[in-house]
Amino acid sequence: MTAVPRCMHQPRLHRLARIHLKHPLYFVTLCSFERKPILLRPTTHEAFVQFCEKGADRGAFVGRYVLMPDHLHLFVTFSLGDISLSDWAKSLKNTLSKSWCSAGVTAPHWQKGFFDHVMRSADSYDQKWNYVAANPVRAGLAATPEAWPYQGSIHELHF
């Protein structure tokens, strides 16, 4: 009998070509270029909130979010099939970059791409939010998650 060799490395996971949920809820992280601390500006927060509020007209709904000095976390879902997560993230980056250019912050502003994860259950959604909401506390920027001024919820999203 011949022994079957074991793989030295685990097979690499690939992004799913299709997601079989009608309206998946995504957890998204976007990072500034070279992790520059450029996100904590009242004008950036305001531009972010305005972008997210207007997005509802195009079927993009942002729920909870946290802006950190060099990255942001958010939950988003889409009710219409004509916008992709990639196109939406590109539009968000462009919007915030325009506000930074107006304030004299030189480009580039963003790392290429972004991290996304499809939420699979209400429990994972709550666990992810609790972890993300505590980011400012772990970073020593706020005493409690609620005390952090650069966080909130645009639309109430339910899993």
C-alpha atoms as a PDB file:
ATOM      1  CA  MET A   1       0.000   0.000   0.000  1.00  0.00           C
ATOM      2  CA  THR A   2       1.297   3.449  -0.936  1.00  0.00           C
ATOM      3  CA  ALA A   3       0.953   6.258   1.555  1.00  0.00           C
ATOM      4  CA  VAL A   4      -0.715   9.422   0.319  1.00  0.00           C
ATOM      5  CA  PRO A   5       1.624  12.388   0.896  1.00  0.00           C
ATOM      6  CA  ARG A   6       0.316  15.163   3.097  1.00  0.00           C
ATOM      7  CA  CYS A   7       0.362  18.681   1.754  1.00  0.00           C
ATOM      8  CA  MET A   8       3.033  20.857   3.280  1.00  0.00           C
ATOM      9  CA  HIS A   9       0.776  23.917   3.097  1.00  0.00           C
ATOM     10  CA  GLN A  10      -2.900  24.425   3.582  1.00  0.00           C
ATOM     11  CA  PRO A  11      -4.755  25.247   0.363  1.00  0.00           C
ATOM     12  CA  ARG A  12      -5.155  28.980  -0.094  1.00  0.00           C
ATOM     13  CA  LEU A  13      -8.663  30.350   0.327  1.00  0.00           C
ATOM     14  CA  HIS A  14     -10.026  32.276  -2.631  1.00  0.00           C
ATOM     15  CA  ARG A  15     -12.661  34.995  -2.697  1.00  0.00           C
ATOM     16  CA  LEU A  16     -16.029  33.563  -3.591  1.00  0.00           C
ATOM     17  CA  ALA A  17     -17.039  34.309  -7.166  1.00  0.00           C
ATOM     18  CA  ARG A  18     -20.659  34.555  -6.090  1.00  0.00           C
ATOM     19  CA  ILE A  19     -22.436  35.095  -2.836  1.00  0.00           C
ATOM     20  CA  HIS A  20     -25.753  33.331  -2.586  1.00  0.00           C
ATOM     21  CA  LEU A  21     -27.467  35.797  -0.309  1.00  0.00           C
ATOM     22  CA  LYS A  22     -29.991  38.250  -1.656  1.00  0.00           C
ATOM     23  CA  HIS A  23     -28.529  41.207   0.255  1.00  0.00           C
ATOM     24  CA  PRO A  24     -25.316  40.204   2.051  1.00  0.00           C
ATOM     25  CA  LEU A  25     -24.132  42.257   4.983  1.00  0.00           C
ATOM     26  CA  TYR A  26     -20.447  43.110   4.570  1.00  0.00           C
ATOM     27  CA  PHE A  27     -17.903  44.053   7.190  1.00  0.00           C
ATOM     28  CA  VAL A  28     -15.389  46.342   5.453  1.00  0.00           C
ATOM     29  CA  THR A  29     -12.048  47.814   6.481  1.00  0.00           C
ATOM     30  CA  LEU A  30     -10.326  50.585   4.499  1.00  0.00           C
ATOM     31  CA  CYS A  31      -6.802  51.763   5.383  1.00  0.00           C
ATOM     32  CA  SER A  32      -5.012  55.012   4.639  1.00  0.00           C
ATOM     33  CA  PHE A  33      -1.901  54.967   2.479  1.00  0.00           C
ATOM     34  CA  GLU A  34       1.084  53.877   4.572  1.00  0.00           C
ATOM     35  CA  ARG A  35      -1.303  54.024   7.526  1.00  0.00           C
ATOM     36  CA  LYS A  36      -1.026  57.831   7.713  1.00  0.00           C
ATOM     37  CA  PRO A  37      -3.226  59.182  10.552  1.00  0.00           C
ATOM     38  CA  ILE A  38      -5.454  61.368   8.340  1.00  0.00           C
ATOM     39  CA  LEU A  39      -8.967  60.152   9.137  1.00  0.00           C
ATOM     40  CA  LEU A  40      -9.596  61.914  12.445  1.00  0.00           C
ATOM     41  CA  ARG A  41     -10.850  65.253  11.201  1.00  0.00           C
ATOM     42  CA  PRO A  42     -14.340  66.608  11.784  1.00  0.00           C
ATOM     43  CA  THR A  43     -14.579  67.391   8.048  1.00  0.00           C
ATOM     44  CA  THR A  44     -13.680  63.785   7.188  1.00  0.00           C
ATOM     45  CA  HIS A  45     -16.302  62.448   9.580  1.00  0.00           C
ATOM     46  CA  GLU A  46     -18.878  64.847   8.140  1.00  0.00           C
ATOM     47  CA  ALA A  47     -18.006  63.904   4.522  1.00  0.00           C
ATOM     48  CA  PHE A  48     -18.222  60.199   5.446  1.00  0.00           C
ATOM     49  CA  VAL A  49     -21.652  60.563   7.064  1.00  0.00           C
ATOM     50  CA  GLN A  50     -22.994  62.629   4.129  1.00  0.00           C
ATOM     51  CA  PHE A  51     -21.709  60.062   1.619  1.00  0.00           C
ATOM     52  CA  CYS A  52     -23.363  57.235   3.550  1.00  0.00           C
ATOM     53  CA  GLU A  53     -26.667  59.079   3.966  1.00  0.00           C
ATOM     54  CA  LYS A  54     -26.830  59.859   0.222  1.00  0.00           C
ATOM     55  CA  GLY A  55     -25.929  56.260  -0.587  1.00  0.00           C
ATOM     56  CA  ALA A  56     -29.384  55.118   0.469  1.00  0.00           C
ATOM     57  CA  ASP A  57     -30.748  56.775  -2.684  1.00  0.00           C
ATOM     58  CA  ARG A  58     -28.626  54.338  -4.680  1.00  0.00           C
ATOM     59  CA  GLY A  59     -29.381  51.307  -2.525  1.00  0.00           C
ATOM     60  CA  ALA A  60     -26.265  51.387  -0.321  1.00  0.00           C
ATOM     61  CA  PHE A  61     -26.946  51.253   3.412  1.00  0.00           C
ATOM     62  CA  VAL A  62     -24.152  51.737   5.941  1.00  0.00           C
ATOM     63  CA  GLY A  63     -24.880  50.637   9.474  1.00  0.00           C
ATOM     64  CA  ARG A  64     -22.381  50.873  12.283  1.00  0.00           C
ATOM     65  CA  TYR A  65     -18.951  52.377  11.670  1.00  0.00           C
ATOM     66  CA  VAL A  66     -15.770  53.435  13.473  1.00  0.00           C
ATOM     67  CA  LEU A  67     -13.194  55.875  12.113  1.00  0.00           C
ATOM     68  CA  MET A  68      -9.708  55.369  13.520  1.00  0.00           C
ATOM     69  CA  PRO A  69      -6.667  57.557  12.810  1.00  0.00           C
ATOM     70  CA  ASP A  70      -5.464  55.401   9.902  1.00  0.00           C
ATOM     71  CA  HIS A  71      -8.365  53.116   8.983  1.00  0.00           C
ATOM     72  CA  LEU A  72     -12.114  52.747   9.151  1.00  0.00           C
ATOM     73  CA  HIS A  73     -14.456  49.848   9.794  1.00  0.00           C
ATOM     74  CA  LEU A  74     -18.052  49.704   8.659  1.00  0.00           C
ATOM     75  CA  PHE A  75     -20.964  47.429   7.893  1.00  0.00           C
ATOM     76  CA  VAL A  76     -22.735  47.890   4.558  1.00  0.00           C
ATOM     77  CA  THR A  77     -25.416  46.174   2.504  1.00  0.00           C
ATOM     78  CA  PHE A  78     -26.911  46.895  -0.904  1.00  0.00           C
ATOM     79  CA  SER A  79     -30.594  46.673  -1.773  1.00  0.00           C
ATOM     80  CA  LEU A  80     -30.128  47.116  -5.519  1.00  0.00           C
ATOM     81  CA  GLY A  81     -28.065  44.851  -7.746  1.00  0.00           C
ATOM     82  CA  ASP A  82     -26.548  47.598  -9.874  1.00  0.00           C
ATOM     83  CA  ILE A  83     -23.716  48.598  -7.499  1.00  0.00           C
ATOM     84  CA  SER A  84     -20.812  46.420  -6.454  1.00  0.00           C
ATOM     85  CA  LEU A  85     -18.959  46.599  -3.172  1.00  0.00           C
ATOM     86  CA  SER A  86     -15.766  47.474  -5.081  1.00  0.00           C
ATOM     87  CA  ASP A  87     -17.414  50.355  -6.952  1.00  0.00           C
ATOM     88  CA  TRP A  88     -18.985  51.652  -3.759  1.00  0.00           C
ATOM     89  CA  ALA A  89     -15.669  51.521  -1.842  1.00  0.00           C
ATOM     90  CA  LYS A  90     -13.925  53.319  -4.711  1.00  0.00           C
ATOM     91  CA  SER A  91     -16.563  56.043  -4.618  1.00  0.00           C
ATOM     92  CA  LEU A  92     -16.215  56.406  -0.826  1.00  0.00           C
ATOM     93  CA  LYS A  93     -12.437  56.691  -1.130  1.00  0.00           C
ATOM     94  CA  ASN A  94     -12.779  59.326  -3.869  1.00  0.00           C
ATOM     95  CA  THR A  95     -15.234  61.352  -1.792  1.00  0.00           C
ATOM     96  CA  LEU A  96     -12.993  61.401   1.276  1.00  0.00           C
ATOM     97  CA  SER A  97      -9.905  62.108  -0.850  1.00  0.00           C
ATOM     98  CA  LYS A  98     -11.604  65.212  -2.243  1.00  0.00           C
ATOM     99  CA  SER A  99     -12.229  66.496   1.278  1.00  0.00           C
ATOM    100  CA  TRP A 100      -8.566  65.896   2.185  1.00  0.00           C
ATOM    101  CA  CYS A 101      -7.316  67.617  -0.971  1.00  0.00           C
ATOM    102  CA  SER A 102      -9.456  70.628  -0.037  1.00  0.00           C
ATOM    103  CA  ALA A 103      -7.758  70.627   3.375  1.00  0.00           C
ATOM    104  CA  GLY A 104      -4.275  70.434   1.820  1.00  0.00           C
ATOM    105  CA  VAL A 105      -3.566  66.769   2.630  1.00  0.00           C
ATOM    106  CA  THR A 106      -1.382  65.476  -0.186  1.00  0.00           C
ATOM    107  CA  ALA A 107      -2.218  62.271  -2.055  1.00  0.00           C
ATOM    108  CA  PRO A 108      -2.033  59.326  -2.132  1.00  0.00           C
ATOM    109  CA  HIS A 109      -4.591  58.873   0.610  1.00  0.00           C
ATOM    110  CA  TRP A 110      -5.607  55.192   0.445  1.00  0.00           C
ATOM    111  CA  GLN A 111      -4.041  51.771   0.325  1.00  0.00           C
ATOM    112  CA  LYS A 112      -5.127  49.847  -2.741  1.00  0.00           C
ATOM    113  CA  GLY A 113      -8.084  47.568  -2.195  1.00  0.00           C
ATOM    114  CA  PHE A 114      -9.865  46.860   1.058  1.00  0.00           C
ATOM    115  CA  PHE A 115     -10.736  43.994   3.371  1.00  0.00           C
ATOM    116  CA  ASP A 116     -14.258  42.621   3.344  1.00  0.00           C
ATOM    117  CA  HIS A 117     -16.026  39.787   5.087  1.00  0.00           C
ATOM    118  CA  VAL A 118     -19.584  38.579   4.571  1.00  0.00           C
ATOM    119  CA  MET A 119     -21.403  38.280   7.870  1.00  0.00           C
ATOM    120  CA  ARG A 120     -22.943  34.849   8.260  1.00  0.00           C
ATOM    121  CA  SER A 121     -25.011  35.190  11.413  1.00  0.00           C
ATOM    122  CA  ALA A 122     -26.451  37.699  13.852  1.00  0.00           C
ATOM    123  CA  ASP A 123     -24.011  36.412  16.474  1.00  0.00           C
ATOM    124  CA  SER A 124     -20.988  37.066  14.276  1.00  0.00           C
ATOM    125  CA  TYR A 125     -22.337  40.538  13.454  1.00  0.00           C
ATOM    126  CA  ASP A 126     -22.674  41.425  17.149  1.00  0.00           C
ATOM    127  CA  GLN A 127     -19.283  39.919  18.022  1.00  0.00           C
ATOM    128  CA  LYS A 128     -17.569  41.814  15.186  1.00  0.00           C
ATOM    129  CA  TRP A 129     -19.237  45.088  16.201  1.00  0.00           C
ATOM    130  CA  ASN A 130     -18.264  44.693  19.857  1.00  0.00           C
ATOM    131  CA  TYR A 131     -14.658  44.077  18.851  1.00  0.00           C
ATOM    132  CA  VAL A 132     -14.589  47.028  16.408  1.00  0.00           C
ATOM    133  CA  ALA A 133     -16.352  49.422  18.798  1.00  0.00           C
ATOM    134  CA  ALA A 134     -13.642  48.749  21.373  1.00  0.00           C
ATOM    135  CA  ASN A 135     -10.812  49.705  18.951  1.00  0.00           C
ATOM    136  CA  PRO A 136     -10.532  53.299  20.267  1.00  0.00           C
ATOM    137  CA  VAL A 137     -10.398  52.002  23.846  1.00  0.00           C
ATOM    138  CA  ARG A 138      -7.676  49.453  23.039  1.00  0.00           C
ATOM    139  CA  ALA A 139      -5.722  52.189  21.213  1.00  0.00           C
ATOM    140  CA  GLY A 140      -5.962  54.483  24.267  1.00  0.00           C
ATOM    141  CA  LEU A 141      -8.018  57.072  22.359  1.00  0.00           C
ATOM    142  CA  ALA A 142     -11.183  56.865  24.470  1.00  0.00           C
ATOM    143  CA  ALA A 143     -12.220  55.617  27.903  1.00  0.00           C
ATOM    144  CA  THR A 144     -15.291  53.819  26.518  1.00  0.00           C
ATOM    145  CA  PRO A 145     -16.527  52.985  23.005  1.00  0.00           C
ATOM    146  CA  GLU A 146     -19.432  55.399  23.470  1.00  0.00           C
ATOM    147  CA  ALA A 147     -17.028  58.259  24.276  1.00  0.00           C
ATOM    148  CA  TRP A 148     -15.361  57.990  20.854  1.00  0.00           C
ATOM    149  CA  PRO A 149     -16.715  60.840  18.666  1.00  0.00           C
ATOM    150  CA  TYR A 150     -15.802  59.185  15.332  1.00  0.00           C
ATOM    151  CA  GLN A 151     -18.246  56.280  15.460  1.00  0.00           C
ATOM    152  CA  GLY A 152     -21.933  55.722  15.085  1.00  0.00           C
ATOM    153  CA  SER A 153     -24.614  54.203  12.900  1.00  0.00           C
ATOM    154  CA  ILE A 154     -26.085  55.671   9.710  1.00  0.00           C
ATOM    155  CA  HIS A 155     -28.858  53.122   9.111  1.00  0.00           C
ATOM    156  CA  GLU A 156     -30.147  50.451  11.407  1.00  0.00           C
ATOM    157  CA  LEU A 157     -29.107  47.159   9.842  1.00  0.00           C
ATOM    158  CA  HIS A 158     -30.379  43.791  10.993  1.00  0.00           C
ATOM    159  CA  PHE A 159     -28.958  40.432  10.136  1.00  0.00           C
END
